[in-house]
Amino acid sequence: MRKLQRSTRVPGFQSKVSRRGVIQGAAGVGLGIAGLSHMGAGAFAQDEIPREPSSATVDGKLQVLQKIDFHPDHNQFIKDEITAYAELNGWQVEVSEVGSLNAGEVAQRLVAGVQAGNAPDLYFDNIPAMRQYQDLGILQDVTDLTNEMIAAYGDTTPGMKTNGNFNDAWWGVPWFTRVDGWWSRRDVFEPAGIDMSTLTTMDERRQAALDVSDPANNMFGWGVTVNRSTDARSLVQNTLFHFGSTLQDESGEIVTFNSPESVAALEWLAETYGSEEWAPMLPTGVMAWTDTGNNEAFLAGILALTQNAGTMYAKAVFDEVPFADQIDYLPNALRLSDGQSTDMLGGVMLHPIAGSKNQEATYDLVRHLCSEAVQKRIWTISRAYAVPAYLNGWEDPIITENANASRAKAATYDNETFTGLRWPGPPSVAIDSVAGGFDQVDMVAEVLQGRPAAEVVEDYHNRWVQIWQDYGLPGE
């Protein structure tokens, strides 16, 4: 690989934020993202959205739990639209901002509400462990409502089906596909003679990240953490997929994690984050980042490559970050064994909660949030983060005229055989109990602390065998 000619500034960006300030802020902000200023894309008028009145009434308040994303304008539009629809119908509404259902306190709140007969009415999120929460009795069968949306807007995506359709029913209504993958700065890599779109292995991408790193000038090639976070979990899982590791066999009854492929993946990650060779590409403090650390560092202009949901890119476009048009979406690295894709873009679903006292009103709110006008507004505010959950939407100019949104279509539809963590076997609550935790991240931490990768893999394999057996499966 050719080296980047060293410059005295980050291409396309004059930052007044010091590298130390960015890294320190990124390490501990949690959801404190309002400080990233809106710089001029302009707010969208809420009154331009057509709304069909509902005949439903509400018992007390309609309670909506809103999963907060990194993009404040995205969050605000959704909250305002829910409020406006409720006001149209004379309903009292309470929209509570919460984290992911994968965070224990949200799940506990929902379980407690359902059991006490005081369940919230609606929650929305991208839930990788949906079967686990359905098994807890949180989620409601919404097959009829989902089929109604499919009839109106076209078939939904393979990822939505994989995550939300099981036990012969739908447990969430697809809302928008959530773009997730790698994001690179074309204006950083091209001067080094590197075309990132041609690099399909983790080795190639890691080498390119090192080649363009210039710590003296606040440019770091590899902006991803393995600290305990959902972003880190995605990185570790994708690395395991890339090396050919699997969690279960085709039957879904046997755990298959203890393999040379799993060991190789962990050793690769330990080498990436623990050796002097790759240290120049890692930002100071990267091992303390939370889920927003890479977002903030990337938008501040100090990262060339990161893995993230598209909220980061959408915010760059919405806030007119100077290098926004130089950001390219890249799919995940291909599987080494057969060169196949390991992408499976799922997305955000609307989940009416079991035991809701306001099902008719909740269903009408879901219908409104899935309406064409609302969908288009979300795609516009969240460019190449929120893309269609239904086939008809992919031909809309909002999608086709944005290169990154268009690229997401291939990652969404082209590989219907790969089903994520459960691949190559069927869905199960056992799989989702692993998907919703941080075991994969924790095992990387153990290897970085000096335990042999083979020993760590064996330990976690045995732990998961026990989980399989707890759910009545042989496990081994």
Protein backbone atom coordinates (compact mmCIF):
# COMPACT_ATOMS: atom_id res chain seq x y z
CA MET A 1 0.00 0.00 0.00
CA ARG A 2 1.19 3.49 -0.80
CA LYS A 3 1.50 5.90 2.07
CA LEU A 4 -0.51 9.09 2.38
CA GLN A 5 1.55 12.20 1.80
CA ARG A 6 1.60 13.82 5.20
CA SER A 7 -0.25 17.11 5.43
CA THR A 8 -0.56 19.71 8.12
CA ARG A 9 -4.33 19.41 8.37
CA VAL A 10 -7.12 16.90 7.99
CA PRO A 11 -8.37 17.02 4.37
CA GLY A 12 -11.53 19.05 3.97
CA PHE A 13 -11.84 20.05 7.62
CA GLN A 14 -10.48 22.81 9.81
CA SER A 15 -11.22 21.73 13.34
CA LYS A 16 -11.09 24.04 16.33
CA VAL A 17 -11.58 21.02 18.57
CA SER A 18 -8.42 19.53 20.01
CA ARG A 19 -7.82 15.82 19.63
CA ARG A 20 -7.55 15.48 23.40
CA GLY A 21 -10.87 17.25 23.87
CA VAL A 22 -12.64 15.07 21.33
CA ILE A 23 -11.33 11.82 22.78
CA GLN A 24 -12.04 12.81 26.37
CA GLY A 25 -15.55 13.85 25.44
CA ALA A 26 -16.19 10.73 23.42
CA ALA A 27 -15.21 8.46 26.26
CA GLY A 28 -17.97 9.52 28.58
CA VAL A 29 -20.81 11.33 26.88
CA GLY A 30 -23.31 8.47 26.75
CA LEU A 31 -26.35 10.04 25.09
CA GLY A 32 -25.19 13.63 25.65
CA ILE A 33 -25.07 14.42 21.96
CA ALA A 34 -26.95 17.67 21.78
CA GLY A 35 -23.67 19.57 21.85
CA LEU A 36 -23.00 18.56 18.25
CA SER A 37 -24.54 21.62 16.68
CA HIS A 38 -27.06 21.78 13.89
CA MET A 39 -25.31 23.89 11.27
CA GLY A 40 -27.88 24.90 8.75
CA ALA A 41 -29.84 22.17 7.00
CA GLY A 42 -33.04 23.71 8.33
CA ALA A 43 -35.88 22.14 10.29
CA PHE A 44 -38.67 20.41 8.40
CA ALA A 45 -42.15 21.82 8.89
CA GLN A 46 -44.21 19.32 10.89
CA ASP A 47 -47.47 20.72 9.48
CA GLU A 48 -46.59 19.50 5.98
CA ILE A 49 -47.30 15.89 7.00
CA PRO A 50 -50.87 14.74 6.12
CA ARG A 51 -52.63 12.96 8.98
CA GLU A 52 -55.69 10.72 8.77
CA PRO A 53 -57.86 11.08 11.91
CA SER A 54 -58.46 7.99 14.03
CA SER A 55 -61.80 6.95 15.48
CA ALA A 56 -60.07 5.29 18.45
CA THR A 57 -60.19 6.59 21.99
CA VAL A 58 -57.43 6.43 24.57
CA ASP A 59 -57.73 5.19 28.14
CA GLY A 60 -55.68 7.68 30.14
CA LYS A 61 -52.49 8.49 28.23
CA LEU A 62 -51.06 6.83 25.16
CA GLN A 63 -47.62 5.79 26.41
CA VAL A 64 -44.82 5.58 23.83
CA LEU A 65 -41.25 4.61 24.65
CA GLN A 66 -38.93 6.25 22.13
CA LYS A 67 -35.55 4.65 21.53
CA ILE A 68 -33.09 7.53 21.15
CA ASP A 69 -30.67 7.52 18.22
CA PHE A 70 -27.44 9.49 17.72
CA HIS A 71 -29.17 11.95 15.35
CA PRO A 72 -31.09 14.58 17.43
CA ASP A 73 -33.10 15.92 14.47
CA HIS A 74 -34.25 12.37 13.64
CA ASN A 75 -35.34 11.90 17.27
CA GLN A 76 -37.10 15.25 17.42
CA PHE A 77 -39.07 14.73 14.22
CA ILE A 78 -40.38 11.37 15.43
CA LYS A 79 -41.34 12.71 18.85
CA ASP A 80 -43.04 15.75 17.33
CA GLU A 81 -44.92 13.63 14.80
CA ILE A 82 -46.23 11.26 17.48
CA THR A 83 -47.33 14.28 19.52
CA ALA A 84 -48.98 15.96 16.51
CA TYR A 85 -50.92 12.81 15.61
CA ALA A 86 -52.13 12.44 19.19
CA GLU A 87 -53.21 16.10 19.32
CA LEU A 88 -55.14 15.68 16.06
CA ASN A 89 -57.15 12.91 17.70
CA GLY A 90 -57.59 14.56 21.08
CA TRP A 91 -55.46 11.95 22.85
CA GLN A 92 -53.20 12.61 25.77
CA VAL A 93 -49.76 11.19 24.99
CA GLU A 94 -46.56 10.65 26.90
CA VAL A 95 -43.39 10.06 24.87
CA SER A 96 -40.56 8.82 27.08
CA GLU A 97 -36.99 8.80 25.79
CA VAL A 98 -35.28 5.51 26.58
CA GLY A 99 -32.32 3.44 25.51
CA SER A 100 -32.30 0.11 23.75
CA LEU A 101 -34.41 -2.83 24.89
CA ASN A 102 -31.07 -4.64 25.16
CA ALA A 103 -30.33 -2.40 28.13
CA GLY A 104 -31.63 -4.21 31.18
CA GLU A 105 -33.61 -1.32 32.65
CA VAL A 106 -35.83 -0.97 29.54
CA ALA A 107 -36.65 -4.68 29.46
CA GLN A 108 -37.34 -4.65 33.19
CA ARG A 109 -39.67 -1.68 32.81
CA LEU A 110 -41.64 -3.42 30.07
CA VAL A 111 -41.85 -6.75 31.88
CA ALA A 112 -42.95 -5.03 35.08
CA GLY A 113 -45.57 -2.99 33.21
CA VAL A 114 -47.00 -6.02 31.43
CA GLN A 115 -47.14 -8.07 34.63
CA ALA A 116 -48.73 -5.23 36.60
CA GLY A 117 -51.40 -4.59 33.96
CA ASN A 118 -49.95 -1.15 33.21
CA ALA A 119 -48.01 -1.79 30.05
CA PRO A 120 -46.80 1.05 27.82
CA ASP A 121 -48.54 1.03 24.46
CA LEU A 122 -45.70 1.24 21.92
CA TYR A 123 -41.94 0.84 21.76
CA PHE A 124 -39.65 0.98 18.73
CA ASP A 125 -36.08 -0.19 18.29
CA ASN A 126 -33.72 -2.38 16.30
CA ILE A 127 -33.78 -5.48 18.53
CA PRO A 128 -31.34 -8.30 17.71
CA ALA A 129 -32.73 -10.53 20.47
CA MET A 130 -36.43 -10.27 19.68
CA ARG A 131 -37.27 -13.91 20.44
CA GLN A 132 -35.94 -13.51 23.94
CA TYR A 133 -38.31 -10.62 24.64
CA GLN A 134 -41.23 -12.34 22.96
CA ASP A 135 -40.50 -15.28 25.24
CA LEU A 136 -40.75 -12.90 28.22
CA GLY A 137 -44.26 -11.92 27.10
CA ILE A 138 -43.42 -8.30 26.19
CA LEU A 139 -44.22 -8.32 22.49
CA GLN A 140 -47.62 -8.63 20.85
CA ASP A 141 -48.50 -10.64 17.74
CA VAL A 142 -48.93 -8.02 15.01
CA THR A 143 -49.25 -10.31 11.98
CA ASP A 144 -52.45 -8.73 10.65
CA LEU A 145 -51.10 -5.18 10.93
CA THR A 146 -47.77 -6.10 9.34
CA ASN A 147 -49.49 -7.85 6.45
CA GLU A 148 -51.59 -4.72 5.97
CA MET A 149 -48.42 -2.62 5.64
CA ILE A 150 -46.86 -5.14 3.22
CA ALA A 151 -50.00 -5.00 1.08
CA ALA A 152 -49.74 -1.21 0.98
CA TYR A 153 -45.99 -0.70 0.50
CA GLY A 154 -44.57 -3.93 -0.93
CA ASP A 155 -42.75 -6.88 0.55
CA THR A 156 -40.43 -6.22 3.44
CA THR A 157 -36.74 -7.16 3.64
CA PRO A 158 -34.93 -10.44 4.40
CA GLY A 159 -33.43 -8.89 7.54
CA MET A 160 -36.83 -7.83 8.86
CA LYS A 161 -38.16 -11.34 8.26
CA THR A 162 -35.16 -12.93 9.95
CA ASN A 163 -35.50 -10.77 13.06
CA GLY A 164 -39.22 -10.21 13.41
CA ASN A 165 -41.11 -13.16 11.88
CA PHE A 166 -41.00 -16.37 13.90
CA ASN A 167 -43.37 -18.83 15.54
CA ASP A 168 -45.62 -18.27 12.50
CA ALA A 169 -46.21 -14.64 13.44
CA TRP A 170 -44.85 -11.11 13.20
CA TRP A 171 -43.74 -9.55 16.51
CA GLY A 172 -43.05 -6.07 15.20
CA VAL A 173 -44.14 -3.92 12.27
CA PRO A 174 -41.20 -3.05 9.97
CA TRP A 175 -40.65 0.72 9.93
CA PHE A 176 -37.31 1.53 8.33
CA THR A 177 -34.21 -0.44 7.41
CA ARG A 178 -31.21 0.62 9.44
CA VAL A 179 -28.00 0.97 7.45
CA ASP A 180 -25.05 -0.45 9.36
CA GLY A 181 -21.53 -1.13 8.13
CA TRP A 182 -18.25 0.66 7.48
CA TRP A 183 -17.79 4.35 6.64
CA SER A 184 -14.65 5.73 5.03
CA ARG A 185 -13.29 9.14 4.10
CA ARG A 186 -12.66 9.10 0.36
CA ASP A 187 -10.69 12.38 0.60
CA VAL A 188 -8.24 10.67 2.98
CA PHE A 189 -7.81 7.34 1.22
CA GLU A 190 -7.75 8.47 -2.43
CA PRO A 191 -4.62 10.66 -2.05
CA ALA A 192 -2.87 7.52 -0.78
CA GLY A 193 -3.89 5.62 -3.93
CA ILE A 194 -6.37 3.49 -1.98
CA ASP A 195 -9.82 2.63 -3.31
CA MET A 196 -11.64 1.35 -0.23
CA SER A 197 -14.49 -0.09 -2.28
CA THR A 198 -12.11 -2.77 -3.59
CA LEU A 199 -10.92 -3.92 -0.16
CA THR A 200 -13.06 -6.84 0.92
CA THR A 201 -11.01 -8.40 3.75
CA MET A 202 -10.33 -7.21 7.26
CA ASP A 203 -6.59 -7.48 6.63
CA GLU A 204 -6.81 -5.14 3.65
CA ARG A 205 -8.91 -2.59 5.50
CA ARG A 206 -6.67 -2.67 8.55
CA GLN A 207 -3.57 -2.12 6.41
CA ALA A 208 -5.23 0.78 4.59
CA ALA A 209 -6.18 2.33 7.93
CA LEU A 210 -2.57 2.14 9.09
CA ASP A 211 -1.29 3.58 5.81
CA VAL A 212 -3.33 6.77 6.13
CA SER A 213 -2.81 7.27 9.85
CA ASP A 214 -0.93 10.40 10.83
CA PRO A 215 -1.09 10.87 14.61
CA ALA A 216 0.98 14.07 14.49
CA ASN A 217 -1.78 15.66 12.43
CA ASN A 218 -4.75 14.16 14.28
CA MET A 219 -5.66 11.56 11.67
CA PHE A 220 -6.31 8.00 12.81
CA GLY A 221 -7.24 5.28 10.38
CA TRP A 222 -9.07 2.80 12.60
CA GLY A 223 -11.88 4.40 14.58
CA VAL A 224 -13.57 1.41 16.22
CA THR A 225 -13.48 0.26 19.83
CA VAL A 226 -13.65 -3.12 21.52
CA ASN A 227 -14.79 -1.55 24.76
CA ARG A 228 -18.08 -2.94 26.09
CA SER A 229 -20.68 -1.39 23.78
CA THR A 230 -23.03 -2.39 20.99
CA ASP A 231 -20.62 -1.02 18.36
CA ALA A 232 -17.86 -3.22 19.76
CA ARG A 233 -20.19 -6.21 19.78
CA SER A 234 -20.91 -5.62 16.09
CA LEU A 235 -17.20 -5.41 15.29
CA VAL A 236 -16.39 -8.62 17.15
CA GLN A 237 -19.33 -10.49 15.62
CA ASN A 238 -18.47 -9.29 12.12
CA THR A 239 -14.84 -10.35 12.58
CA LEU A 240 -15.97 -13.79 13.71
CA PHE A 241 -18.28 -14.03 10.67
CA HIS A 242 -15.42 -12.92 8.40
CA PHE A 243 -13.15 -15.71 9.64
CA GLY A 244 -15.92 -18.29 9.26
CA SER A 245 -16.82 -18.80 12.91
CA THR A 246 -20.33 -20.07 13.64
CA LEU A 247 -22.24 -20.30 16.89
CA GLN A 248 -24.42 -23.29 16.01
CA ASP A 249 -24.86 -26.00 13.41
CA GLU A 250 -27.59 -26.21 10.76
CA SER A 251 -29.94 -28.00 13.13
CA GLY A 252 -29.64 -25.29 15.78
CA GLU A 253 -29.16 -27.97 18.43
CA ILE A 254 -25.37 -28.09 18.64
CA VAL A 255 -22.98 -25.26 19.61
CA THR A 256 -20.08 -25.07 17.15
CA PHE A 257 -18.11 -22.08 18.46
CA ASN A 258 -15.00 -23.99 19.56
CA SER A 259 -13.22 -23.94 16.21
CA PRO A 260 -9.95 -22.79 14.61
CA GLU A 261 -11.91 -20.01 12.87
CA SER A 262 -13.08 -18.56 16.19
CA VAL A 263 -9.56 -18.70 17.60
CA ALA A 264 -8.14 -16.98 14.50
CA ALA A 265 -10.70 -14.16 14.76
CA LEU A 266 -9.90 -13.47 18.41
CA GLU A 267 -6.17 -13.57 17.75
CA TRP A 268 -6.64 -11.08 14.90
CA LEU A 269 -8.52 -8.70 17.18
CA ALA A 270 -5.95 -9.07 19.95
CA GLU A 271 -3.19 -8.29 17.45
CA THR A 272 -5.10 -5.25 16.14
CA TYR A 273 -5.66 -3.71 19.56
CA GLY A 274 -2.70 -5.05 21.48
CA SER A 275 0.40 -4.85 19.28
CA GLU A 276 2.80 -1.99 18.58
CA GLU A 277 2.49 -2.57 14.83
CA TRP A 278 -1.08 -1.28 14.68
CA ALA A 279 -0.95 1.22 17.54
CA PRO A 280 -0.41 4.31 15.28
CA MET A 281 -3.85 3.86 13.68
CA LEU A 282 -5.72 3.79 17.02
CA PRO A 283 -6.90 7.07 18.59
CA THR A 284 -5.79 7.74 22.15
CA GLY A 285 -8.59 6.65 24.46
CA VAL A 286 -10.27 4.36 21.94
CA MET A 287 -10.48 1.57 24.51
CA ALA A 288 -12.67 3.77 26.72
CA TRP A 289 -15.16 4.79 24.03
CA THR A 290 -18.87 4.22 24.48
CA ASP A 291 -21.26 3.82 21.55
CA THR A 292 -21.00 7.51 20.64
CA GLY A 293 -17.21 7.80 20.81
CA ASN A 294 -16.49 6.93 17.20
CA ASN A 295 -19.42 9.02 15.96
CA GLU A 296 -18.09 12.16 17.59
CA ALA A 297 -14.49 11.54 16.60
CA PHE A 298 -15.47 10.86 12.99
CA LEU A 299 -17.59 14.01 12.74
CA ALA A 300 -14.77 16.01 14.30
CA GLY A 301 -12.60 14.95 11.37
CA ILE A 302 -9.98 12.78 13.06
CA LEU A 303 -10.99 9.33 11.74
CA ALA A 304 -10.57 7.87 8.26
CA LEU A 305 -12.53 4.66 8.81
CA THR A 306 -15.09 3.44 11.30
CA GLN A 307 -17.88 0.92 11.68
CA ASN A 308 -21.24 2.34 12.70
CA ALA A 309 -24.92 2.68 12.02
CA GLY A 310 -25.72 5.29 9.42
CA THR A 311 -26.85 7.82 12.03
CA MET A 312 -23.34 9.23 11.96
CA TYR A 313 -23.40 9.79 8.19
CA ALA A 314 -26.97 11.11 8.30
CA LYS A 315 -25.97 13.67 10.89
CA ALA A 316 -22.94 14.69 8.82
CA VAL A 317 -25.21 15.34 5.83
CA PHE A 318 -27.92 17.07 7.85
CA ASP A 319 -25.41 19.32 9.64
CA GLU A 320 -23.45 20.00 6.42
CA VAL A 321 -20.14 18.76 7.80
CA PRO A 322 -17.53 19.95 5.24
CA PHE A 323 -16.47 16.44 4.20
CA ALA A 324 -19.97 14.89 4.20
CA ASP A 325 -19.87 14.29 0.44
CA GLN A 326 -16.58 12.41 0.85
CA ILE A 327 -18.03 9.76 3.18
CA ASP A 328 -18.63 6.36 1.57
CA TYR A 329 -20.65 3.45 2.91
CA LEU A 330 -18.87 0.08 2.70
CA PRO A 331 -20.50 -3.31 3.33
CA ASN A 332 -18.94 -5.76 5.75
CA ALA A 333 -15.84 -7.70 4.74
CA LEU A 334 -16.59 -10.89 2.83
CA ARG A 335 -16.30 -14.31 4.46
CA LEU A 336 -12.81 -15.70 3.91
CA SER A 337 -13.87 -19.28 3.27
CA ASP A 338 -16.16 -18.67 0.29
CA GLY A 339 -16.15 -14.92 -0.46
CA GLN A 340 -19.81 -14.56 0.50
CA SER A 341 -21.41 -11.49 2.06
CA THR A 342 -21.87 -11.25 5.82
CA ASP A 343 -24.32 -8.35 5.61
CA MET A 344 -27.82 -8.61 6.95
CA LEU A 345 -29.40 -5.21 7.37
CA GLY A 346 -32.26 -5.41 9.80
CA GLY A 347 -33.99 -2.34 11.06
CA VAL A 348 -36.32 -0.53 13.39
CA MET A 349 -39.69 -2.09 14.09
CA LEU A 350 -42.74 -0.66 15.81
CA HIS A 351 -43.73 -2.89 18.71
CA PRO A 352 -47.22 -2.64 20.21
CA ILE A 353 -46.74 -3.99 23.72
CA ALA A 354 -48.65 -6.99 25.07
CA GLY A 355 -51.38 -5.93 27.47
CA SER A 356 -51.80 -2.42 26.04
CA LYS A 357 -55.15 -0.86 26.97
CA ASN A 358 -55.08 1.23 23.80
CA GLN A 359 -54.53 -1.26 21.01
CA GLU A 360 -56.81 0.41 18.47
CA ALA A 361 -55.18 3.82 18.94
CA THR A 362 -51.70 2.26 18.93
CA TYR A 363 -52.43 0.48 15.66
CA ASP A 364 -53.63 3.72 14.06
CA LEU A 365 -50.47 5.48 15.28
CA VAL A 366 -48.39 2.69 13.71
CA ARG A 367 -50.31 3.07 10.45
CA HIS A 368 -49.55 6.78 10.47
CA LEU A 369 -45.86 6.33 11.25
CA CYS A 370 -45.62 3.88 8.33
CA SER A 371 -47.43 6.25 5.97
CA GLU A 372 -45.57 7.34 2.86
CA ALA A 373 -45.21 10.95 3.97
CA VAL A 374 -43.70 10.04 7.34
CA GLN A 375 -41.41 7.43 5.80
CA LYS A 376 -40.11 9.93 3.25
CA ARG A 377 -39.44 12.53 5.92
CA ILE A 378 -37.45 10.04 7.96
CA TRP A 379 -35.42 8.98 4.88
CA THR A 380 -34.71 12.65 4.17
CA ILE A 381 -33.64 13.64 7.68
CA SER A 382 -31.61 10.45 8.11
CA ARG A 383 -29.93 10.01 4.71
CA ALA A 384 -28.48 6.53 4.25
CA TYR A 385 -29.25 5.64 7.86
CA ALA A 386 -33.00 5.15 7.56
CA VAL A 387 -33.84 3.53 4.23
CA PRO A 388 -37.02 1.68 3.18
CA ALA A 389 -38.35 -1.33 5.01
CA TYR A 390 -40.68 -2.06 2.09
CA LEU A 391 -39.77 -2.77 -1.52
CA ASN A 392 -41.71 0.08 -3.15
CA GLY A 393 -39.72 2.74 -1.35
CA TRP A 394 -36.37 1.81 -2.90
CA GLU A 395 -37.32 3.52 -6.17
CA ASP A 396 -37.96 6.87 -4.52
CA PRO A 397 -35.53 9.65 -5.60
CA ILE A 398 -34.69 10.30 -1.94
CA ILE A 399 -32.99 6.89 -2.04
CA THR A 400 -31.83 6.59 -5.65
CA GLU A 401 -30.19 10.02 -5.73
CA ASN A 402 -27.97 9.30 -2.72
CA ALA A 403 -25.10 6.94 -3.52
CA ASN A 404 -24.80 5.57 0.01
CA ALA A 405 -28.53 4.91 0.33
CA SER A 406 -28.48 3.14 -3.03
CA ARG A 407 -25.51 0.97 -1.98
CA ALA A 408 -27.50 -0.15 1.04
CA LYS A 409 -30.01 -1.87 -1.23
CA ALA A 410 -27.46 -4.53 -2.19
CA ALA A 411 -26.53 -5.09 1.45
CA THR A 412 -30.25 -5.42 2.22
CA TYR A 413 -31.37 -7.79 -0.53
CA ASP A 414 -28.46 -9.47 -2.32
CA ASN A 415 -27.69 -12.17 0.22
CA GLU A 416 -30.82 -13.75 1.61
CA THR A 417 -29.03 -16.85 2.91
CA PHE A 418 -26.91 -15.16 5.60
CA THR A 419 -28.96 -14.65 8.74
CA GLY A 420 -26.45 -13.19 11.16
CA LEU A 421 -25.52 -14.81 14.45
CA ARG A 422 -27.88 -17.74 13.98
CA TRP A 423 -26.37 -18.73 10.60
CA PRO A 424 -26.43 -21.49 9.35
CA GLY A 425 -29.13 -22.70 11.73
CA PRO A 426 -32.68 -21.72 12.71
CA PRO A 427 -33.75 -18.97 15.12
CA SER A 428 -34.06 -19.73 18.80
CA VAL A 429 -34.27 -18.05 22.18
CA ALA A 430 -30.87 -19.55 22.95
CA ILE A 431 -29.30 -17.68 20.03
CA ASP A 432 -30.98 -14.45 21.08
CA SER A 433 -29.77 -14.80 24.65
CA VAL A 434 -26.23 -14.58 23.24
CA ALA A 435 -27.11 -11.86 20.72
CA GLY A 436 -28.45 -9.58 23.42
CA GLY A 437 -25.39 -9.83 25.67
CA PHE A 438 -21.74 -8.87 25.54
CA ASP A 439 -20.02 -12.24 25.73
CA GLN A 440 -18.19 -11.69 22.43
CA VAL A 441 -16.76 -8.37 23.62
CA ASP A 442 -15.82 -9.82 26.99
CA MET A 443 -13.89 -12.66 25.38
CA VAL A 444 -11.77 -10.14 23.43
CA ALA A 445 -11.00 -8.36 26.70
CA GLU A 446 -9.81 -11.64 28.19
CA VAL A 447 -7.49 -12.31 25.27
CA LEU A 448 -6.10 -8.77 25.48
CA GLN A 449 -5.42 -9.42 29.16
CA GLY A 450 -3.22 -12.34 28.21
CA ARG A 451 -5.35 -15.48 28.18
CA PRO A 452 -4.73 -17.74 25.16
CA ALA A 453 -7.44 -17.33 22.55
CA ALA A 454 -7.99 -21.09 22.29
CA GLU A 455 -8.64 -21.28 26.03
CA VAL A 456 -11.09 -18.37 25.94
CA VAL A 457 -12.96 -19.84 22.97
CA GLU A 458 -13.32 -23.17 24.75
CA ASP A 459 -14.65 -21.50 27.91
CA TYR A 460 -17.29 -19.49 26.07
CA HIS A 461 -18.24 -22.48 23.95
CA ASN A 462 -18.94 -24.42 27.14
CA ARG A 463 -20.90 -21.49 28.58
CA TRP A 464 -23.12 -21.42 25.51
CA VAL A 465 -23.59 -25.19 25.56
CA GLN A 466 -25.07 -24.71 29.04
CA ILE A 467 -27.44 -22.02 27.69
CA TRP A 468 -28.57 -24.40 24.93
CA GLN A 469 -29.21 -27.08 27.52
CA ASP A 470 -31.11 -24.63 29.73
CA TYR A 471 -33.48 -24.18 26.78
CA GLY A 472 -33.91 -27.91 26.28
CA LEU A 473 -31.41 -28.34 23.43
CA PRO A 474 -28.53 -30.86 23.52
CA GLY A 475 -25.83 -28.23 22.97
CA GLU A 476 -23.13 -30.83 22.23
